[in-house]
Amino acid sequence: MALFSVSHKHQEQGAKSRQEERYGLPNLIILGAMKCATTSLHYYLGLHPEIFMSREKELNFFVREGNWNKGIEWYKSNFAAKARIRGESSPNYANYPFSRGVPERIYSCVPEAKLIYIVRDPISRIISHYMHQYAVERENRKLSEALANLDDNPYVCRSKYFMQLQQYLEFFPPSNILIVTQEELYSHRQRTLKEVFRFLEVDDSFHCRDFFSIRHKSSGKRRRNNAGSSMFRMF
C-alpha cells in the first residue's frame, strides 16, 4: 500500500509538472491552408475579448526547419498567459510531406489544443498559391510547367486537404478539429464566426464591425503587375 501511495504521489507530481510547463502555451492553432484566408480569420478571432492571437501570425514553431530550435520558452513568450483562448496561425503546419512531424510535435506540447483548418476550392487555392509565389519572385515557371509533375508537387499537396488532415487524426480526436471554408467565411461571416466561437467555447454573441474587413498578409517585394503577368504565364 505504501509503495502504491508513493507511486501515485509521483504520478500526481509528474502530471502537475507537465501542467505547469504547458501554462501559457496556446490552446488554439490554425493549421492553414495557405492562401485560404488564415490572415483574416486570425484577425477576426483576435477581436474577441476572450481570445488572444499571437501578434506575429506565423510562428512556425512546430516546423523543424522553422522555429522549433528556439525552444518552448520562446514560443510561450508570444502569448498572453492569462487569456482564456491563446492562438496562432501557421499555414506551414499543413504542408505534408514537405514538413513532416508537425502534428506529433504539436501533440507533444499541447495535446488538448483545438485545431482549425480553413480550406477553399482546391483548384482556386493552387492558382492563388502559384500567383503569390510568382508575385514575390519565388516562381519563374509557367503554371503548366509548375504543375507538370503532380507527384509530391508543393502546390498540389497543400490542396490535398484530407491527406493533410489524416496526419492530425493520428493524434487528435475529430472533436478537437474544426474545418472552415474560405467561401463560407467571406459569404456568411457572422454565422461562420459564431460557429468558430462555439467550437472554442467563448461568447458566440460577440459582434464587431471590423469583422467586415478582409485582411491579406503583406508579402514585401512584388513584381509589377503581378496578377496580370501570372495569368498570362499560366500556359
Protein backbone atom coordinates (compact mmCIF):
# COMPACT_ATOMS: atom_id res chain seq x y z
CA MET A 1 0.00 0.00 0.00
CA ALA A 2 2.86 2.37 0.85
CA LEU A 3 4.54 1.63 -2.47
CA PHE A 4 1.28 2.36 -4.28
CA SER A 5 0.93 5.66 -2.41
CA VAL A 6 4.46 6.74 -3.33
CA SER A 7 3.92 5.76 -6.96
CA HIS A 8 0.58 7.57 -7.04
CA LYS A 9 2.19 10.65 -5.49
CA HIS A 10 4.94 10.66 -8.14
CA GLN A 11 2.31 10.38 -10.86
CA GLU A 12 0.44 13.36 -9.43
CA GLN A 13 3.66 15.38 -9.20
CA GLY A 14 4.54 14.47 -12.78
CA ALA A 15 1.10 15.49 -14.02
CA LYS A 16 1.31 18.78 -12.10
CA SER A 17 4.79 19.45 -13.53
CA ARG A 18 3.55 18.88 -17.09
CA GLN A 19 0.58 21.14 -16.42
CA GLU A 20 2.87 23.90 -15.20
CA GLU A 21 5.10 23.52 -18.26
CA ARG A 22 2.08 23.94 -20.52
CA TYR A 23 0.77 27.02 -18.72
CA GLY A 24 0.74 29.93 -21.15
CA LEU A 25 1.06 27.79 -24.27
CA PRO A 26 -1.61 28.14 -26.97
CA ASN A 27 -4.79 26.10 -26.84
CA LEU A 28 -5.81 27.07 -30.38
CA ILE A 29 -3.85 26.51 -33.58
CA ILE A 30 -4.97 27.46 -37.09
CA LEU A 31 -3.23 24.95 -39.35
CA GLY A 32 -3.77 26.57 -42.73
CA ALA A 33 -4.26 26.02 -45.56
CA MET A 34 -2.06 28.53 -47.34
CA LYS A 35 -3.98 31.18 -49.36
CA CYS A 36 -7.25 30.27 -47.62
CA ALA A 37 -7.90 33.40 -45.50
CA THR A 38 -5.87 32.40 -42.46
CA THR A 39 -4.79 36.04 -42.05
CA SER A 40 -8.41 37.23 -41.98
CA LEU A 41 -9.51 34.52 -39.56
CA HIS A 42 -6.53 35.23 -37.29
CA TYR A 43 -7.51 38.91 -37.24
CA TYR A 44 -11.22 38.29 -36.60
CA LEU A 45 -10.54 35.91 -33.71
CA GLY A 46 -8.15 38.42 -32.16
CA LEU A 47 -11.01 40.92 -31.92
CA HIS A 48 -12.89 38.70 -29.45
CA PRO A 49 -12.28 39.79 -25.82
CA GLU A 50 -11.75 36.19 -24.69
CA ILE A 51 -9.23 35.34 -27.41
CA PHE A 52 -5.59 36.36 -27.72
CA MET A 53 -3.99 35.72 -31.10
CA SER A 54 -0.20 35.99 -31.44
CA ARG A 55 0.96 39.38 -32.73
CA GLU A 56 3.25 37.62 -35.18
CA LYS A 57 0.79 35.48 -37.08
CA GLU A 58 3.01 32.71 -38.45
CA LEU A 59 5.22 31.47 -35.63
CA ASN A 60 6.12 28.22 -37.43
CA PHE A 61 7.28 26.80 -34.11
CA PHE A 62 6.33 23.20 -34.87
CA VAL A 63 8.14 23.14 -38.22
CA ARG A 64 11.56 21.63 -37.55
CA GLU A 65 13.23 23.87 -40.12
CA GLY A 66 11.26 26.84 -38.76
CA ASN A 67 11.48 27.98 -35.12
CA TRP A 68 11.45 24.63 -33.28
CA ASN A 69 15.02 25.09 -32.11
CA LYS A 70 14.13 28.35 -30.35
CA GLY A 71 12.55 26.31 -27.58
CA ILE A 72 9.31 26.26 -25.65
CA GLU A 73 10.00 29.39 -23.61
CA TRP A 74 10.39 31.44 -26.79
CA TYR A 75 7.10 30.02 -28.01
CA LYS A 76 5.34 30.87 -24.74
CA SER A 77 6.59 34.45 -24.94
CA ASN A 78 4.30 35.07 -27.91
CA PHE A 79 1.10 34.62 -25.88
CA ALA A 80 -0.80 36.34 -23.09
CA ALA A 81 -0.74 33.58 -20.48
CA LYS A 82 -3.94 34.66 -18.72
CA ALA A 83 -6.11 34.79 -21.85
CA ARG A 84 -8.80 32.13 -21.94
CA ILE A 85 -8.00 31.24 -25.56
CA ARG A 86 -4.48 31.70 -26.91
CA GLY A 87 -3.90 31.07 -30.58
CA GLU A 88 -1.57 31.27 -33.54
CA SER A 89 -1.86 30.59 -37.28
CA SER A 90 0.84 28.89 -39.33
CA PRO A 91 -0.18 27.55 -42.78
CA ASN A 92 3.08 25.58 -42.92
CA TYR A 93 1.57 23.22 -40.34
CA ALA A 94 -0.45 21.70 -43.21
CA ASN A 95 2.41 21.11 -45.62
CA TYR A 96 2.90 17.35 -45.56
CA PRO A 97 5.09 15.71 -46.88
CA PHE A 98 7.40 18.73 -47.12
CA SER A 99 7.12 19.47 -43.39
CA ARG A 100 6.94 16.18 -41.50
CA GLY A 101 6.31 15.51 -37.82
CA VAL A 102 4.30 18.68 -37.19
CA PRO A 103 1.17 17.03 -35.69
CA GLU A 104 3.32 14.91 -33.37
CA ARG A 105 5.23 17.97 -32.13
CA ILE A 106 2.00 19.88 -31.54
CA TYR A 107 0.54 16.94 -29.62
CA SER A 108 3.67 16.55 -27.52
CA CYS A 109 3.41 20.18 -26.37
CA VAL A 110 -0.32 20.97 -26.37
CA PRO A 111 -2.26 17.68 -26.56
CA GLU A 112 -5.58 19.31 -25.67
CA ALA A 113 -5.33 22.12 -28.23
CA LYS A 114 -8.22 22.84 -30.56
CA LEU A 115 -7.32 22.96 -34.23
CA ILE A 116 -8.95 24.95 -37.02
CA TYR A 117 -8.31 24.04 -40.65
CA ILE A 118 -9.58 26.62 -43.15
CA VAL A 119 -9.79 25.49 -46.77
CA ARG A 120 -11.18 26.66 -50.12
CA ASP A 121 -11.83 25.27 -53.59
CA PRO A 122 -8.60 23.27 -54.14
CA ILE A 123 -8.03 24.42 -57.73
CA SER A 124 -8.52 28.08 -56.79
CA ARG A 125 -6.09 27.59 -53.94
CA ILE A 126 -3.43 26.16 -56.26
CA ILE A 127 -3.76 29.08 -58.68
CA SER A 128 -3.68 31.63 -55.84
CA HIS A 129 -0.61 29.91 -54.38
CA TYR A 130 1.15 29.98 -57.75
CA MET A 131 0.29 33.65 -58.33
CA HIS A 132 1.60 34.53 -54.87
CA GLN A 133 4.88 32.70 -55.45
CA TYR A 134 5.29 34.38 -58.83
CA ALA A 135 4.49 37.81 -57.37
CA VAL A 136 7.18 37.53 -54.70
CA GLU A 137 9.70 36.19 -57.24
CA ARG A 138 9.91 32.66 -55.88
CA GLU A 139 8.47 31.18 -59.06
CA ASN A 140 9.53 31.77 -62.68
CA ARG A 141 7.87 28.85 -64.46
CA LYS A 142 4.57 28.93 -66.29
CA LEU A 143 1.75 27.35 -64.32
CA SER A 144 1.61 24.38 -66.68
CA GLU A 145 5.31 23.77 -66.05
CA ALA A 146 4.95 24.21 -62.28
CA LEU A 147 2.23 21.53 -62.27
CA ALA A 148 3.82 19.20 -64.83
CA ASN A 149 4.89 16.69 -62.17
CA LEU A 150 1.98 16.10 -59.80
CA ASP A 151 3.78 13.60 -57.56
CA ASP A 152 4.63 15.37 -54.30
CA ASN A 153 4.02 18.70 -56.01
CA PRO A 154 4.24 21.55 -53.44
CA TYR A 155 1.25 23.36 -54.98
CA VAL A 156 -0.94 20.27 -55.20
CA CYS A 157 -0.05 18.74 -51.82
CA ARG A 158 -1.33 21.75 -49.88
CA SER A 159 -4.68 21.29 -51.65
CA LYS A 160 -4.93 17.62 -50.67
CA TYR A 161 -6.94 18.53 -47.60
CA PHE A 162 -7.85 15.02 -46.48
CA MET A 163 -4.22 13.91 -46.74
CA GLN A 164 -3.22 16.82 -44.51
CA LEU A 165 -6.00 16.07 -42.02
CA GLN A 166 -5.04 12.41 -41.83
CA GLN A 167 -1.72 13.39 -40.27
CA TYR A 168 -3.57 15.14 -37.40
CA LEU A 169 -6.21 12.47 -36.90
CA GLU A 170 -3.43 10.09 -35.85
CA PHE A 171 -3.02 12.23 -32.73
CA PHE A 172 -6.13 14.38 -32.20
CA PRO A 173 -9.78 13.31 -31.94
CA PRO A 174 -12.17 14.70 -34.58
CA SER A 175 -13.94 16.66 -31.83
CA ASN A 176 -10.81 18.82 -31.48
CA ILE A 177 -10.73 19.79 -35.16
CA LEU A 178 -12.99 22.30 -36.90
CA ILE A 179 -13.00 22.68 -40.68
CA VAL A 180 -13.99 26.08 -42.06
CA THR A 181 -14.18 27.14 -45.70
CA GLN A 182 -12.96 30.45 -47.02
CA GLU A 183 -16.11 30.70 -49.11
CA GLU A 184 -18.35 30.44 -46.05
CA LEU A 185 -16.18 32.84 -44.04
CA TYR A 186 -16.47 35.54 -46.70
CA SER A 187 -20.10 34.91 -47.72
CA HIS A 188 -21.58 34.32 -44.25
CA ARG A 189 -19.04 35.87 -41.93
CA GLN A 190 -21.07 36.35 -38.77
CA ARG A 191 -22.61 32.89 -38.97
CA THR A 192 -19.23 31.25 -39.58
CA LEU A 193 -17.53 33.14 -36.76
CA LYS A 194 -20.37 32.20 -34.42
CA GLU A 195 -19.67 28.55 -35.26
CA VAL A 196 -15.97 29.08 -34.53
CA PHE A 197 -16.74 30.81 -31.22
CA ARG A 198 -18.96 27.90 -30.18
CA PHE A 199 -16.20 25.46 -31.04
CA LEU A 200 -13.83 27.46 -28.81
CA GLU A 201 -16.47 27.73 -26.07
CA VAL A 202 -16.40 31.52 -25.89
CA ASP A 203 -19.25 34.03 -26.13
CA ASP A 204 -20.74 33.39 -29.57
CA SER A 205 -22.89 36.53 -29.49
CA PHE A 206 -19.83 38.77 -29.85
CA HIS A 207 -20.00 41.03 -32.89
CA CYS A 208 -17.61 43.67 -34.22
CA ARG A 209 -17.90 45.91 -37.27
CA ASP A 210 -14.28 45.07 -38.11
CA PHE A 211 -15.49 41.57 -38.98
CA PHE A 212 -16.40 43.01 -42.37
CA SER A 213 -12.84 43.90 -43.37
CA ILE A 214 -10.72 41.44 -45.35
CA ARG A 215 -7.08 41.01 -44.39
CA HIS A 216 -4.15 39.89 -46.50
CA LYS A 217 -0.65 39.13 -45.34
CA SER A 218 1.91 41.56 -46.77
CA SER A 219 4.47 39.78 -48.93
CA GLY A 220 7.09 42.51 -49.23
CA LYS A 221 8.62 42.98 -52.67
CA ARG A 222 6.27 42.13 -55.53
CA ARG A 223 6.65 42.05 -59.28
CA ARG A 224 4.96 44.87 -61.11
CA ASN A 225 1.52 43.94 -62.47
CA ASN A 226 1.98 40.53 -60.92
CA ALA A 227 -1.62 39.34 -61.25
CA GLY A 228 -1.85 40.03 -64.96
CA SER A 229 1.62 38.65 -65.60
CA SER A 230 0.77 35.46 -63.76
CA MET A 231 -2.44 34.90 -65.68
CA PHE A 232 -0.69 35.36 -68.99
CA ARG A 233 2.03 32.95 -67.91
CA MET A 234 -0.30 30.11 -66.96
CA PHE A 235 0.21 28.18 -70.17
